[in-house]
């Protein structure tokens, strides 16, 4: 990883994500964290587009760790994910995860209960 401090500025949740506890049988979470680590290690710190994509990917994986609803949806969609074997497979997977995250943010609605005092 070149310029570690420079890259870690764009992924403030790095240590939280890498040190996340998960059950042994949660293979999907384990693979997603490994993908995250590999992607962070492959980033070119001179390419601004890659750094911006890293920032969004970091936010997406942090959302995966914190939000049970998003985790459930991500696990469902990642099992049906189709990735082209041509080109960089890691970047294709990262792009797909970012797409899932952006669709979730755009279309997710939460049920909000407003309590009334009587």
PDB file of N, CA and C in Angstrom:
ATOM      1  N   UNK A   1       0.861  -1.168   0.000  1.00  0.00           N
ATOM      2  CA  UNK A   1       0.000   0.000   0.000  1.00  0.00           C
ATOM      3  C   UNK A   1       0.906   1.230   0.000  1.00  0.00           C
ATOM      4  N   UNK A   2       0.828   2.004  -1.035  1.00  0.00           N
ATOM      5  CA  UNK A   2       1.618   3.220  -1.144  1.00  0.00           C
ATOM      6  C   UNK A   2       0.899   4.363  -0.455  1.00  0.00           C
ATOM      7  N   UNK A   3       1.668   5.196   0.224  1.00  0.00           N
ATOM      8  CA  UNK A   3       1.109   6.377   0.877  1.00  0.00           C
ATOM      9  C   UNK A   3      -0.063   6.014   1.789  1.00  0.00           C
ATOM     10  N   UNK A   4       0.207   5.192   2.780  1.00  0.00           N
ATOM     11  CA  UNK A   4      -0.841   4.687   3.672  1.00  0.00           C
ATOM     12  C   UNK A   4      -1.674   5.787   4.289  1.00  0.00           C
ATOM     13  N   UNK A   5      -1.032   6.807   4.804  1.00  0.00           N
ATOM     14  CA  UNK A   5      -1.768   7.880   5.473  1.00  0.00           C
ATOM     15  C   UNK A   5      -2.652   8.638   4.504  1.00  0.00           C
ATOM     16  N   UNK A   6      -2.175   8.828   3.293  1.00  0.00           N
ATOM     17  CA  UNK A   6      -2.963   9.511   2.261  1.00  0.00           C
ATOM     18  C   UNK A   6      -4.222   8.719   1.932  1.00  0.00           C
ATOM     19  N   UNK A   7      -4.067   7.428   1.775  1.00  0.00           N
ATOM     20  CA  UNK A   7      -5.206   6.578   1.429  1.00  0.00           C
ATOM     21  C   UNK A   7      -6.179   6.461   2.595  1.00  0.00           C
ATOM     22  N   UNK A   8      -5.672   6.343   3.812  1.00  0.00           N
ATOM     23  CA  UNK A   8      -6.549   6.190   4.976  1.00  0.00           C
ATOM     24  C   UNK A   8      -7.359   7.453   5.271  1.00  0.00           C
ATOM     25  N   UNK A   9      -6.981   8.590   4.716  1.00  0.00           N
ATOM     26  CA  UNK A   9      -7.807   9.795   4.837  1.00  0.00           C
ATOM     27  C   UNK A   9      -9.145   9.601   4.122  1.00  0.00           C
ATOM     28  N   UNK A  10      -9.123   8.798   3.059  1.00  0.00           N
ATOM     29  CA  UNK A  10     -10.330   8.572   2.272  1.00  0.00           C
ATOM     30  C   UNK A  10     -11.185   7.424   2.799  1.00  0.00           C
ATOM     31  N   UNK A  11     -10.662   6.664   3.730  1.00  0.00           N
ATOM     32  CA  UNK A  11     -11.466   5.592   4.329  1.00  0.00           C
ATOM     33  C   UNK A  11     -11.345   5.672   5.858  1.00  0.00           C
ATOM     34  N   UNK A  12     -12.123   6.576   6.457  1.00  0.00           N
ATOM     35  CA  UNK A  12     -12.033   6.783   7.905  1.00  0.00           C
ATOM     36  C   UNK A  12     -12.543   5.594   8.728  1.00  0.00           C
ATOM     37  N   UNK A  13     -13.269   4.686   8.108  1.00  0.00           N
ATOM     38  CA  UNK A  13     -13.817   3.538   8.829  1.00  0.00           C
ATOM     39  C   UNK A  13     -12.963   2.287   8.666  1.00  0.00           C
ATOM     40  N   UNK A  14     -11.748   2.429   8.173  1.00  0.00           N
ATOM     41  CA  UNK A  14     -10.903   1.281   7.858  1.00  0.00           C
ATOM     42  C   UNK A  14     -10.709   0.360   9.064  1.00  0.00           C
ATOM     43  N   UNK A  15     -10.255   0.898  10.171  1.00  0.00           N
ATOM     44  CA  UNK A  15      -9.954   0.057  11.334  1.00  0.00           C
ATOM     45  C   UNK A  15     -11.221  -0.541  11.931  1.00  0.00           C
ATOM     46  N   UNK A  16     -12.305   0.189  11.878  1.00  0.00           N
ATOM     47  CA  UNK A  16     -13.588  -0.322  12.368  1.00  0.00           C
ATOM     48  C   UNK A  16     -14.037  -1.515  11.535  1.00  0.00           C
ATOM     49  N   UNK A  17     -13.888  -1.399  10.225  1.00  0.00           N
ATOM     50  CA  UNK A  17     -14.325  -2.464   9.317  1.00  0.00           C
ATOM     51  C   UNK A  17     -13.413  -3.684   9.441  1.00  0.00           C
ATOM     52  N   UNK A  18     -12.116  -3.461   9.434  1.00  0.00           N
ATOM     53  CA  UNK A  18     -11.160  -4.569   9.471  1.00  0.00           C
ATOM     54  C   UNK A  18     -11.239  -5.320  10.800  1.00  0.00           C
ATOM     55  N   UNK A  19     -11.527  -4.624  11.876  1.00  0.00           N
ATOM     56  CA  UNK A  19     -11.577  -5.251  13.197  1.00  0.00           C
ATOM     57  C   UNK A  19     -12.977  -5.665  13.625  1.00  0.00           C
ATOM     58  N   UNK A  20     -13.902  -5.739  12.698  1.00  0.00           N
ATOM     59  CA  UNK A  20     -15.277  -6.110  13.006  1.00  0.00           C
ATOM     60  C   UNK A  20     -15.355  -7.576  13.408  1.00  0.00           C
ATOM     61  N   UNK A  21     -16.114  -7.837  14.457  1.00  0.00           N
ATOM     62  CA  UNK A  21     -16.359  -9.208  14.887  1.00  0.00           C
ATOM     63  C   UNK A  21     -17.574  -9.750  14.155  1.00  0.00           C
ATOM     64  N   UNK A  22     -17.475 -10.970  13.693  1.00  0.00           N
ATOM     65  CA  UNK A  22     -18.588 -11.651  13.037  1.00  0.00           C
ATOM     66  C   UNK A  22     -18.490 -13.136  13.379  1.00  0.00           C
ATOM     67  N   UNK A  23     -19.587 -13.832  13.209  1.00  0.00           N
ATOM     68  CA  UNK A  23     -19.597 -15.254  13.551  1.00  0.00           C
ATOM     69  C   UNK A  23     -18.798 -16.058  12.520  1.00  0.00           C
ATOM     70  N   UNK A  24     -18.355 -17.221  12.932  1.00  0.00           N
ATOM     71  CA  UNK A  24     -17.538 -18.058  12.052  1.00  0.00           C
ATOM     72  C   UNK A  24     -18.302 -18.522  10.821  1.00  0.00           C
ATOM     73  N   UNK A  25     -19.600 -18.704  10.947  1.00  0.00           N
ATOM     74  CA  UNK A  25     -20.377 -19.206   9.825  1.00  0.00           C
ATOM     75  C   UNK A  25     -20.849 -18.097   8.879  1.00  0.00           C
ATOM     76  N   UNK A  26     -20.504 -16.860   9.166  1.00  0.00           N
ATOM     77  CA  UNK A  26     -20.874 -15.735   8.304  1.00  0.00           C
ATOM     78  C   UNK A  26     -19.796 -15.536   7.241  1.00  0.00           C
ATOM     79  N   UNK A  27     -19.843 -16.367   6.235  1.00  0.00           N
ATOM     80  CA  UNK A  27     -18.820 -16.372   5.188  1.00  0.00           C
ATOM     81  C   UNK A  27     -18.908 -15.122   4.325  1.00  0.00           C
ATOM     82  N   UNK A  28     -20.105 -14.635   4.097  1.00  0.00           N
ATOM     83  CA  UNK A  28     -20.286 -13.461   3.232  1.00  0.00           C
ATOM     84  C   UNK A  28     -19.616 -12.231   3.832  1.00  0.00           C
ATOM     85  N   UNK A  29     -19.812 -12.019   5.130  1.00  0.00           N
ATOM     86  CA  UNK A  29     -19.167 -10.881   5.790  1.00  0.00           C
ATOM     87  C   UNK A  29     -17.654 -11.008   5.735  1.00  0.00           C
ATOM     88  N   UNK A  30     -17.161 -12.208   5.946  1.00  0.00           N
ATOM     89  CA  UNK A  30     -15.719 -12.442   5.881  1.00  0.00           C
ATOM     90  C   UNK A  30     -15.186 -12.091   4.490  1.00  0.00           C
ATOM     91  N   UNK A  31     -15.872 -12.525   3.453  1.00  0.00           N
ATOM     92  CA  UNK A  31     -15.429 -12.249   2.084  1.00  0.00           C
ATOM     93  C   UNK A  31     -15.514 -10.761   1.754  1.00  0.00           C
ATOM     94  N   UNK A  32     -16.560 -10.088   2.225  1.00  0.00           N
ATOM     95  CA  UNK A  32     -16.707  -8.657   1.959  1.00  0.00           C
ATOM     96  C   UNK A  32     -15.576  -7.869   2.615  1.00  0.00           C
ATOM     97  N   UNK A  33     -15.210  -8.251   3.827  1.00  0.00           N
ATOM     98  CA  UNK A  33     -14.104  -7.569   4.515  1.00  0.00           C
ATOM     99  C   UNK A  33     -12.786  -7.834   3.793  1.00  0.00           C
ATOM    100  N   UNK A  34     -12.579  -9.041   3.309  1.00  0.00           N
ATOM    101  CA  UNK A  34     -11.362  -9.355   2.547  1.00  0.00           C
ATOM    102  C   UNK A  34     -11.316  -8.552   1.243  1.00  0.00           C
ATOM    103  N   UNK A  35     -12.460  -8.427   0.578  1.00  0.00           N
ATOM    104  CA  UNK A  35     -12.531  -7.616  -0.641  1.00  0.00           C
ATOM    105  C   UNK A  35     -12.173  -6.174  -0.319  1.00  0.00           C
ATOM    106  N   UNK A  36     -12.705  -5.664   0.790  1.00  0.00           N
ATOM    107  CA  UNK A  36     -12.415  -4.292   1.227  1.00  0.00           C
ATOM    108  C   UNK A  36     -10.912  -4.110   1.447  1.00  0.00           C
ATOM    109  N   UNK A  37     -10.295  -5.022   2.183  1.00  0.00           N
ATOM    110  CA  UNK A  37      -8.859  -4.915   2.461  1.00  0.00           C
ATOM    111  C   UNK A  37      -8.040  -4.965   1.168  1.00  0.00           C
ATOM    112  N   UNK A  38      -8.386  -5.885   0.284  1.00  0.00           N
ATOM    113  CA  UNK A  38      -7.651  -5.996  -0.982  1.00  0.00           C
ATOM    114  C   UNK A  38      -7.812  -4.750  -1.840  1.00  0.00           C
ATOM    115  N   UNK A  39      -9.010  -4.192  -1.862  1.00  0.00           N
ATOM    116  CA  UNK A  39      -9.246  -2.996  -2.661  1.00  0.00           C
ATOM    117  C   UNK A  39      -8.464  -1.801  -2.121  1.00  0.00           C
ATOM    118  N   UNK A  40      -8.439  -1.648  -0.808  1.00  0.00           N
ATOM    119  CA  UNK A  40      -7.692  -0.540  -0.203  1.00  0.00           C
ATOM    120  C   UNK A  40      -6.205  -0.682  -0.524  1.00  0.00           C
ATOM    121  N   UNK A  41      -5.696  -1.908  -0.523  1.00  0.00           N
ATOM    122  CA  UNK A  41      -4.278  -2.126  -0.813  1.00  0.00           C
ATOM    123  C   UNK A  41      -3.925  -1.851  -2.275  1.00  0.00           C
ATOM    124  N   UNK A  42      -4.898  -1.984  -3.183  1.00  0.00           N
ATOM    125  CA  UNK A  42      -4.630  -1.802  -4.611  1.00  0.00           C
ATOM    126  C   UNK A  42      -4.845  -0.372  -5.103  1.00  0.00           C
ATOM    127  N   UNK A  43      -5.303   0.516  -4.249  1.00  0.00           N
ATOM    128  CA  UNK A  43      -5.633   1.880  -4.672  1.00  0.00           C
ATOM    129  C   UNK A  43      -4.377   2.640  -5.085  1.00  0.00           C
ATOM    130  N   UNK A  44      -4.500   3.352  -6.188  1.00  0.00           N
ATOM    131  CA  UNK A  44      -3.456   4.260  -6.639  1.00  0.00           C
ATOM    132  C   UNK A  44      -3.746   5.625  -6.025  1.00  0.00           C
ATOM    133  N   UNK A  45      -2.870   6.094  -5.161  1.00  0.00           N
ATOM    134  CA  UNK A  45      -3.129   7.342  -4.437  1.00  0.00           C
ATOM    135  C   UNK A  45      -3.036   8.579  -5.332  1.00  0.00           C
ATOM    136  N   UNK A  46      -2.574   8.416  -6.553  1.00  0.00           N
ATOM    137  CA  UNK A  46      -2.478   9.549  -7.471  1.00  0.00           C
ATOM    138  C   UNK A  46      -3.731   9.718  -8.325  1.00  0.00           C
ATOM    139  N   UNK A  47      -4.625   8.744  -8.311  1.00  0.00           N
ATOM    140  CA  UNK A  47      -5.832   8.784  -9.124  1.00  0.00           C
ATOM    141  C   UNK A  47      -7.004   9.261  -8.263  1.00  0.00           C
ATOM    142  N   UNK A  48      -7.477  10.461  -8.533  1.00  0.00           N
ATOM    143  CA  UNK A  48      -8.543  11.060  -7.729  1.00  0.00           C
ATOM    144  C   UNK A  48      -9.863  10.308  -7.861  1.00  0.00           C
ATOM    145  N   UNK A  49     -10.155   9.761  -9.043  1.00  0.00           N
ATOM    146  CA  UNK A  49     -11.391   8.998  -9.236  1.00  0.00           C
ATOM    147  C   UNK A  49     -11.401   7.737  -8.367  1.00  0.00           C
ATOM    148  N   UNK A  50     -10.265   7.060  -8.300  1.00  0.00           N
ATOM    149  CA  UNK A  50     -10.174   5.869  -7.457  1.00  0.00           C
ATOM    150  C   UNK A  50     -10.331   6.226  -5.985  1.00  0.00           C
ATOM    151  N   UNK A  51      -9.763   7.337  -5.576  1.00  0.00           N
ATOM    152  CA  UNK A  51      -9.876   7.757  -4.175  1.00  0.00           C
ATOM    153  C   UNK A  51     -11.315   8.113  -3.823  1.00  0.00           C
ATOM    154  N   UNK A  52     -12.020   8.753  -4.732  1.00  0.00           N
ATOM    155  CA  UNK A  52     -13.431   9.074  -4.489  1.00  0.00           C
ATOM    156  C   UNK A  52     -14.280   7.803  -4.444  1.00  0.00           C
ATOM    157  N   UNK A  53     -13.963   6.843  -5.306  1.00  0.00           N
ATOM    158  CA  UNK A  53     -14.679   5.571  -5.281  1.00  0.00           C
ATOM    159  C   UNK A  53     -14.397   4.831  -3.965  1.00  0.00           C
ATOM    160  N   UNK A  54     -13.156   4.940  -3.482  1.00  0.00           N
ATOM    161  CA  UNK A  54     -12.791   4.323  -2.203  1.00  0.00           C
ATOM    162  C   UNK A  54     -13.604   4.929  -1.064  1.00  0.00           C
ATOM    163  N   UNK A  55     -13.814   6.223  -1.106  1.00  0.00           N
ATOM    164  CA  UNK A  55     -14.595   6.902  -0.071  1.00  0.00           C
ATOM    165  C   UNK A  55     -16.032   6.373  -0.035  1.00  0.00           C
ATOM    166  N   UNK A  56     -16.638   6.214  -1.202  1.00  0.00           N
ATOM    167  CA  UNK A  56     -18.003   5.684  -1.285  1.00  0.00           C
ATOM    168  C   UNK A  56     -18.032   4.223  -0.847  1.00  0.00           C
ATOM    169  N   UNK A  57     -17.038   3.447  -1.268  1.00  0.00           N
ATOM    170  CA  UNK A  57     -16.967   2.033  -0.891  1.00  0.00           C
ATOM    171  C   UNK A  57     -16.797   1.882   0.613  1.00  0.00           C
ATOM    172  N   UNK A  58     -15.983   2.737   1.213  1.00  0.00           N
ATOM    173  CA  UNK A  58     -15.796   2.724   2.667  1.00  0.00           C
ATOM    174  C   UNK A  58     -17.121   3.008   3.373  1.00  0.00           C
ATOM    175  N   UNK A  59     -17.861   3.974   2.886  1.00  0.00           N
ATOM    176  CA  UNK A  59     -19.168   4.299   3.463  1.00  0.00           C
ATOM    177  C   UNK A  59     -20.132   3.133   3.305  1.00  0.00           C
ATOM    178  N   UNK A  60     -20.097   2.471   2.158  1.00  0.00           N
ATOM    179  CA  UNK A  60     -20.990   1.335   1.907  1.00  0.00           C
ATOM    180  C   UNK A  60     -20.691   0.175   2.851  1.00  0.00           C
ATOM    181  N   UNK A  61     -19.436  -0.148   3.026  1.00  0.00           N
ATOM    182  CA  UNK A  61     -19.077  -1.267   3.906  1.00  0.00           C
ATOM    183  C   UNK A  61     -19.355  -0.911   5.359  1.00  0.00           C
ATOM    184  N   UNK A  62     -19.163   0.338   5.735  1.00  0.00           N
ATOM    185  CA  UNK A  62     -19.515   0.765   7.086  1.00  0.00           C
ATOM    186  C   UNK A  62     -21.021   0.630   7.312  1.00  0.00           C
ATOM    187  N   UNK A  63     -21.811   0.994   6.321  1.00  0.00           N
ATOM    188  CA  UNK A  63     -23.261   0.833   6.398  1.00  0.00           C
ATOM    189  C   UNK A  63     -23.616  -0.646   6.537  1.00  0.00           C
ATOM    190  N   UNK A  64     -22.897  -1.500   5.819  1.00  0.00           N
ATOM    191  CA  UNK A  64     -23.105  -2.944   5.909  1.00  0.00           C
ATOM    192  C   UNK A  64     -22.853  -3.442   7.339  1.00  0.00           C
ATOM    193  N   UNK A  65     -21.826  -2.915   7.966  1.00  0.00           N
ATOM    194  CA  UNK A  65     -21.476  -3.331   9.326  1.00  0.00           C
ATOM    195  C   UNK A  65     -22.518  -2.843  10.330  1.00  0.00           C
ATOM    196  N   UNK A  66     -23.001  -1.621  10.176  1.00  0.00           N
ATOM    197  CA  UNK A  66     -23.871  -0.999  11.177  1.00  0.00           C
ATOM    198  C   UNK A  66     -25.360  -1.273  10.988  1.00  0.00           C
ATOM    199  N   UNK A  67     -25.826  -1.383   9.764  1.00  0.00           N
ATOM    200  CA  UNK A  67     -27.261  -1.426   9.491  1.00  0.00           C
ATOM    201  C   UNK A  67     -27.709  -2.851   9.143  1.00  0.00           C
ATOM    202  N   UNK A  68     -28.537  -3.438  10.013  1.00  0.00           N
ATOM    203  CA  UNK A  68     -29.003  -4.807   9.803  1.00  0.00           C
ATOM    204  C   UNK A  68     -29.858  -4.940   8.545  1.00  0.00           C
ATOM    205  N   UNK A  69     -30.686  -3.940   8.263  1.00  0.00           N
ATOM    206  CA  UNK A  69     -31.534  -3.992   7.067  1.00  0.00           C
ATOM    207  C   UNK A  69     -30.678  -4.006   5.796  1.00  0.00           C
ATOM    208  N   UNK A  70     -29.661  -3.165   5.762  1.00  0.00           N
ATOM    209  CA  UNK A  70     -28.776  -3.124   4.596  1.00  0.00           C
ATOM    210  C   UNK A  70     -27.964  -4.407   4.489  1.00  0.00           C
ATOM    211  N   UNK A  71     -27.514  -4.940   5.621  1.00  0.00           N
ATOM    212  CA  UNK A  71     -26.755  -6.188   5.618  1.00  0.00           C
ATOM    213  C   UNK A  71     -27.592  -7.319   5.027  1.00  0.00           C
ATOM    214  N   UNK A  72     -28.844  -7.377   5.420  1.00  0.00           N
ATOM    215  CA  UNK A  72     -29.732  -8.425   4.910  1.00  0.00           C
ATOM    216  C   UNK A  72     -29.912  -8.281   3.398  1.00  0.00           C
ATOM    217  N   UNK A  73     -30.160  -7.060   2.939  1.00  0.00           N
ATOM    218  CA  UNK A  73     -30.342  -6.827   1.510  1.00  0.00           C
ATOM    219  C   UNK A  73     -29.061  -7.111   0.730  1.00  0.00           C
ATOM    220  N   UNK A  74     -27.923  -6.707   1.277  1.00  0.00           N
ATOM    221  CA  UNK A  74     -26.641  -6.931   0.608  1.00  0.00           C
ATOM    222  C   UNK A  74     -26.366  -8.428   0.464  1.00  0.00           C
ATOM    223  N   UNK A  75     -26.640  -9.178   1.511  1.00  0.00           N
ATOM    224  CA  UNK A  75     -26.397 -10.624   1.444  1.00  0.00           C
ATOM    225  C   UNK A  75     -27.278 -11.282   0.393  1.00  0.00           C
ATOM    226  N   UNK A  76     -28.515 -10.833   0.274  1.00  0.00           N
ATOM    227  CA  UNK A  76     -29.412 -11.389  -0.739  1.00  0.00           C
ATOM    228  C   UNK A  76     -28.916 -11.064  -2.143  1.00  0.00           C
ATOM    229  N   UNK A  77     -28.511  -9.828  -2.355  1.00  0.00           N
ATOM    230  CA  UNK A  77     -28.123  -9.395  -3.699  1.00  0.00           C
ATOM    231  C   UNK A  77     -26.730  -9.872  -4.084  1.00  0.00           C
ATOM    232  N   UNK A  78     -25.863 -10.034  -3.117  1.00  0.00           N
ATOM    233  CA  UNK A  78     -24.495 -10.435  -3.445  1.00  0.00           C
ATOM    234  C   UNK A  78     -24.445 -11.903  -3.863  1.00  0.00           C
ATOM    235  N   UNK A  79     -25.414 -12.692  -3.393  1.00  0.00           N
ATOM    236  CA  UNK A  79     -25.456 -14.096  -3.800  1.00  0.00           C
ATOM    237  C   UNK A  79     -25.876 -14.260  -5.255  1.00  0.00           C
ATOM    238  N   UNK A  80     -26.608 -13.290  -5.779  1.00  0.00           N
ATOM    239  CA  UNK A  80     -27.049 -13.353  -7.172  1.00  0.00           C
ATOM    240  C   UNK A  80     -26.198 -12.475  -8.084  1.00  0.00           C
ATOM    241  N   UNK A  81     -25.100 -11.989  -7.585  1.00  0.00           N
ATOM    242  CA  UNK A  81     -24.233 -11.068  -8.316  1.00  0.00           C
ATOM    243  C   UNK A  81     -23.528 -11.778  -9.468  1.00  0.00           C
ATOM    244  N   UNK A  82     -23.582 -11.170 -10.618  1.00  0.00           N
ATOM    245  CA  UNK A  82     -22.878 -11.671 -11.801  1.00  0.00           C
ATOM    246  C   UNK A  82     -21.717 -10.731 -12.088  1.00  0.00           C
ATOM    247  N   UNK A  83     -20.508 -11.299 -12.140  1.00  0.00           N
ATOM    248  CA  UNK A  83     -19.316 -10.493 -12.375  1.00  0.00           C
ATOM    249  C   UNK A  83     -18.626 -11.007 -13.631  1.00  0.00           C
ATOM    250  N   UNK A  84     -18.235 -10.093 -14.487  1.00  0.00           N
ATOM    251  CA  UNK A  84     -17.506 -10.451 -15.699  1.00  0.00           C
ATOM    252  C   UNK A  84     -16.099 -10.890 -15.315  1.00  0.00           C
ATOM    253  N   UNK A  85     -15.654 -11.971 -15.907  1.00  0.00           N
ATOM    254  CA  UNK A  85     -14.317 -12.465 -15.607  1.00  0.00           C
ATOM    255  C   UNK A  85     -13.243 -11.736 -16.398  1.00  0.00           C
ATOM    256  N   UNK A  86     -13.655 -10.931 -17.346  1.00  0.00           N
ATOM    257  CA  UNK A  86     -12.687 -10.150 -18.104  1.00  0.00           C
ATOM    258  C   UNK A  86     -12.399  -8.859 -17.350  1.00  0.00           C
ATOM    259  N   UNK A  87     -11.195  -8.398 -17.437  1.00  0.00           N
ATOM    260  CA  UNK A  87     -10.837  -7.166 -16.742  1.00  0.00           C
ATOM    261  C   UNK A  87     -10.488  -7.438 -15.287  1.00  0.00           C
ATOM    262  N   UNK A  88     -10.571  -6.424 -14.485  1.00  0.00           N
ATOM    263  CA  UNK A  88     -10.244  -6.520 -13.067  1.00  0.00           C
ATOM    264  C   UNK A  88     -11.485  -6.969 -12.287  1.00  0.00           C
ATOM    265  N   UNK A  89     -11.469  -8.198 -11.812  1.00  0.00           N
ATOM    266  CA  UNK A  89     -12.618  -8.778 -11.118  1.00  0.00           C
ATOM    267  C   UNK A  89     -12.895  -8.033  -9.815  1.00  0.00           C
ATOM    268  N   UNK A  90     -11.831  -7.662  -9.094  1.00  0.00           N
ATOM    269  CA  UNK A  90     -12.007  -6.955  -7.824  1.00  0.00           C
ATOM    270  C   UNK A  90     -12.742  -5.636  -8.027  1.00  0.00           C
ATOM    271  N   UNK A  91     -12.356  -4.883  -9.028  1.00  0.00           N
ATOM    272  CA  UNK A  91     -13.029  -3.606  -9.302  1.00  0.00           C
ATOM    273  C   UNK A  91     -14.478  -3.815  -9.731  1.00  0.00           C
ATOM    274  N   UNK A  92     -14.753  -4.886 -10.467  1.00  0.00           N
ATOM    275  CA  UNK A  92     -16.128  -5.188 -10.853  1.00  0.00           C
ATOM    276  C   UNK A  92     -16.989  -5.501  -9.634  1.00  0.00           C
ATOM    277  N   UNK A  93     -16.442  -6.240  -8.688  1.00  0.00           N
ATOM    278  CA  UNK A  93     -17.180  -6.556  -7.461  1.00  0.00           C
ATOM    279  C   UNK A  93     -17.412  -5.290  -6.649  1.00  0.00           C
ATOM    280  N   UNK A  94     -16.390  -4.456  -6.535  1.00  0.00           N
ATOM    281  CA  UNK A  94     -16.519  -3.195  -5.790  1.00  0.00           C
ATOM    282  C   UNK A  94     -17.577  -2.304  -6.432  1.00  0.00           C
ATOM    283  N   UNK A  95     -17.562  -2.210  -7.754  1.00  0.00           N
ATOM    284  CA  UNK A  95     -18.576  -1.409  -8.457  1.00  0.00           C
ATOM    285  C   UNK A  95     -19.981  -1.945  -8.193  1.00  0.00           C
ATOM    286  N   UNK A  96     -20.128  -3.263  -8.160  1.00  0.00           N
ATOM    287  CA  UNK A  96     -21.436  -3.863  -7.893  1.00  0.00           C
ATOM    288  C   UNK A  96     -21.899  -3.576  -6.470  1.00  0.00           C
ATOM    289  N   UNK A  97     -20.999  -3.641  -5.510  1.00  0.00           N
ATOM    290  CA  UNK A  97     -21.351  -3.344  -4.122  1.00  0.00           C
ATOM    291  C   UNK A  97     -21.750  -1.877  -3.982  1.00  0.00           C
ATOM    292  N   UNK A  98     -21.037  -0.997  -4.652  1.00  0.00           N
ATOM    293  CA  UNK A  98     -21.380   0.431  -4.619  1.00  0.00           C
ATOM    294  C   UNK A  98     -22.756   0.658  -5.241  1.00  0.00           C
ATOM    295  N   UNK A  99     -23.063  -0.043  -6.332  1.00  0.00           N
ATOM    296  CA  UNK A  99     -24.388   0.080  -6.957  1.00  0.00           C
ATOM    297  C   UNK A  99     -25.491  -0.380  -6.007  1.00  0.00           C
ATOM    298  N   UNK A 100     -25.264  -1.502  -5.325  1.00  0.00           N
ATOM    299  CA  UNK A 100     -26.245  -1.998  -4.348  1.00  0.00           C
ATOM    300  C   UNK A 100     -26.452  -0.964  -3.250  1.00  0.00           C
ATOM    301  N   UNK A 101     -25.371  -0.358  -2.769  1.00  0.00           N
ATOM    302  CA  UNK A 101     -25.437   0.652  -1.716  1.00  0.00           C
ATOM    303  C   UNK A 101     -26.207   1.887  -2.185  1.00  0.00           C
ATOM    304  N   UNK A 102     -25.890   2.366  -3.371  1.00  0.00           N
ATOM    305  CA  UNK A 102     -26.561   3.569  -3.880  1.00  0.00           C
ATOM    306  C   UNK A 102     -28.046   3.322  -4.120  1.00  0.00           C
ATOM    307  N   UNK A 103     -28.401   2.145  -4.614  1.00  0.00           N
ATOM    308  CA  UNK A 103     -29.818   1.808  -4.785  1.00  0.00           C
ATOM    309  C   UNK A 103     -30.527   1.724  -3.439  1.00  0.00           C
ATOM    310  N   UNK A 104     -29.862   1.166  -2.447  1.00  0.00           N
ATOM    311  CA  UNK A 104     -30.458   1.069  -1.111  1.00  0.00           C
ATOM    312  C   UNK A 104     -30.710   2.457  -0.536  1.00  0.00           C
ATOM    313  N   UNK A 105     -29.731   3.334  -0.647  1.00  0.00           N
ATOM    314  CA  UNK A 105     -29.867   4.693  -0.121  1.00  0.00           C
ATOM    315  C   UNK A 105     -30.982   5.436  -0.845  1.00  0.00           C
ATOM    316  N   UNK A 106     -31.081   5.243  -2.155  1.00  0.00           N
ATOM    317  CA  UNK A 106     -32.071   5.956  -2.938  1.00  0.00           C
ATOM    318  C   UNK A 106     -33.498   5.465  -2.677  1.00  0.00           C
ATOM    319  N   UNK A 107     -33.671   4.161  -2.525  1.00  0.00           N
ATOM    320  CA  UNK A 107     -35.017   3.609  -2.467  1.00  0.00           C
ATOM    321  C   UNK A 107     -35.450   3.103  -1.094  1.00  0.00           C
ATOM    322  N   UNK A 108     -34.561   3.112  -0.134  1.00  0.00           N
ATOM    323  CA  UNK A 108     -34.923   2.605   1.191  1.00  0.00           C
ATOM    324  C   UNK A 108     -35.787   3.617   1.927  1.00  0.00           C
ATOM    325  N   UNK A 109     -36.843   3.131   2.484  1.00  0.00           N
ATOM    326  CA  UNK A 109     -37.678   3.972   3.330  1.00  0.00           C
ATOM    327  C   UNK A 109     -37.780   3.296   4.674  1.00  0.00           C
ATOM    328  N   UNK A 110     -37.796   4.067   5.664  1.00  0.00           N
ATOM    329  CA  UNK A 110     -37.884   3.549   7.019  1.00  0.00           C
ATOM    330  C   UNK A 110     -39.238   3.905   7.597  1.00  0.00           C
ATOM    331  N   UNK A 111     -39.748   2.998   8.379  1.00  0.00           N
ATOM    332  CA  UNK A 111     -40.997   3.254   9.070  1.00  0.00           C
ATOM    333  C   UNK A 111     -40.668   4.068  10.312  1.00  0.00           C
ATOM    334  N   UNK A 112     -41.229   5.245  10.379  1.00  0.00           N
ATOM    335  CA  UNK A 112     -40.976   6.144  11.494  1.00  0.00           C
ATOM    336  C   UNK A 112     -42.241   6.244  12.326  1.00  0.00           C
ATOM    337  N   UNK A 113     -42.113   5.941  13.570  1.00  0.00           N
ATOM    338  CA  UNK A 113     -43.236   6.035  14.488  1.00  0.00           C
ATOM    339  C   UNK A 113     -43.100   7.314  15.295  1.00  0.00           C
ATOM    340  N   UNK A 114     -44.148   8.106  15.271  1.00  0.00           N
ATOM    341  CA  UNK A 114     -44.157   9.328  16.048  1.00  0.00           C
ATOM    342  C   UNK A 114     -45.125   9.098  17.217  1.00  0.00           C
ATOM    343  N   UNK A 115     -44.569   9.162  18.383  1.00  0.00           N
ATOM    344  CA  UNK A 115     -45.421   8.925  19.543  1.00  0.00           C
ATOM    345  C   UNK A 115     -46.114  10.225  19.944  1.00  0.00           C
ATOM    346  N   UNK A 116     -47.294  10.069  20.488  1.00  0.00           N
ATOM    347  CA  UNK A 116     -48.052  11.235  20.936  1.00  0.00           C
ATOM    348  C   UNK A 116     -48.243  11.139  22.441  1.00  0.00           C
ATOM    349  N   UNK A 117     -48.173  12.268  23.045  1.00  0.00           N
ATOM    350  CA  UNK A 117     -48.461  12.323  24.463  1.00  0.00           C
ATOM    351  C   UNK A 117     -49.947  12.617  24.639  1.00  0.00           C
ATOM    352  N   UNK A 118     -50.551  11.863  25.460  1.00  0.00           N
ATOM    353  CA  UNK A 118     -51.996  12.050  25.688  1.00  0.00           C
ATOM    354  C   UNK A 118     -52.215  12.861  26.942  1.00  0.00           C
TER     355      UNK A 118
END
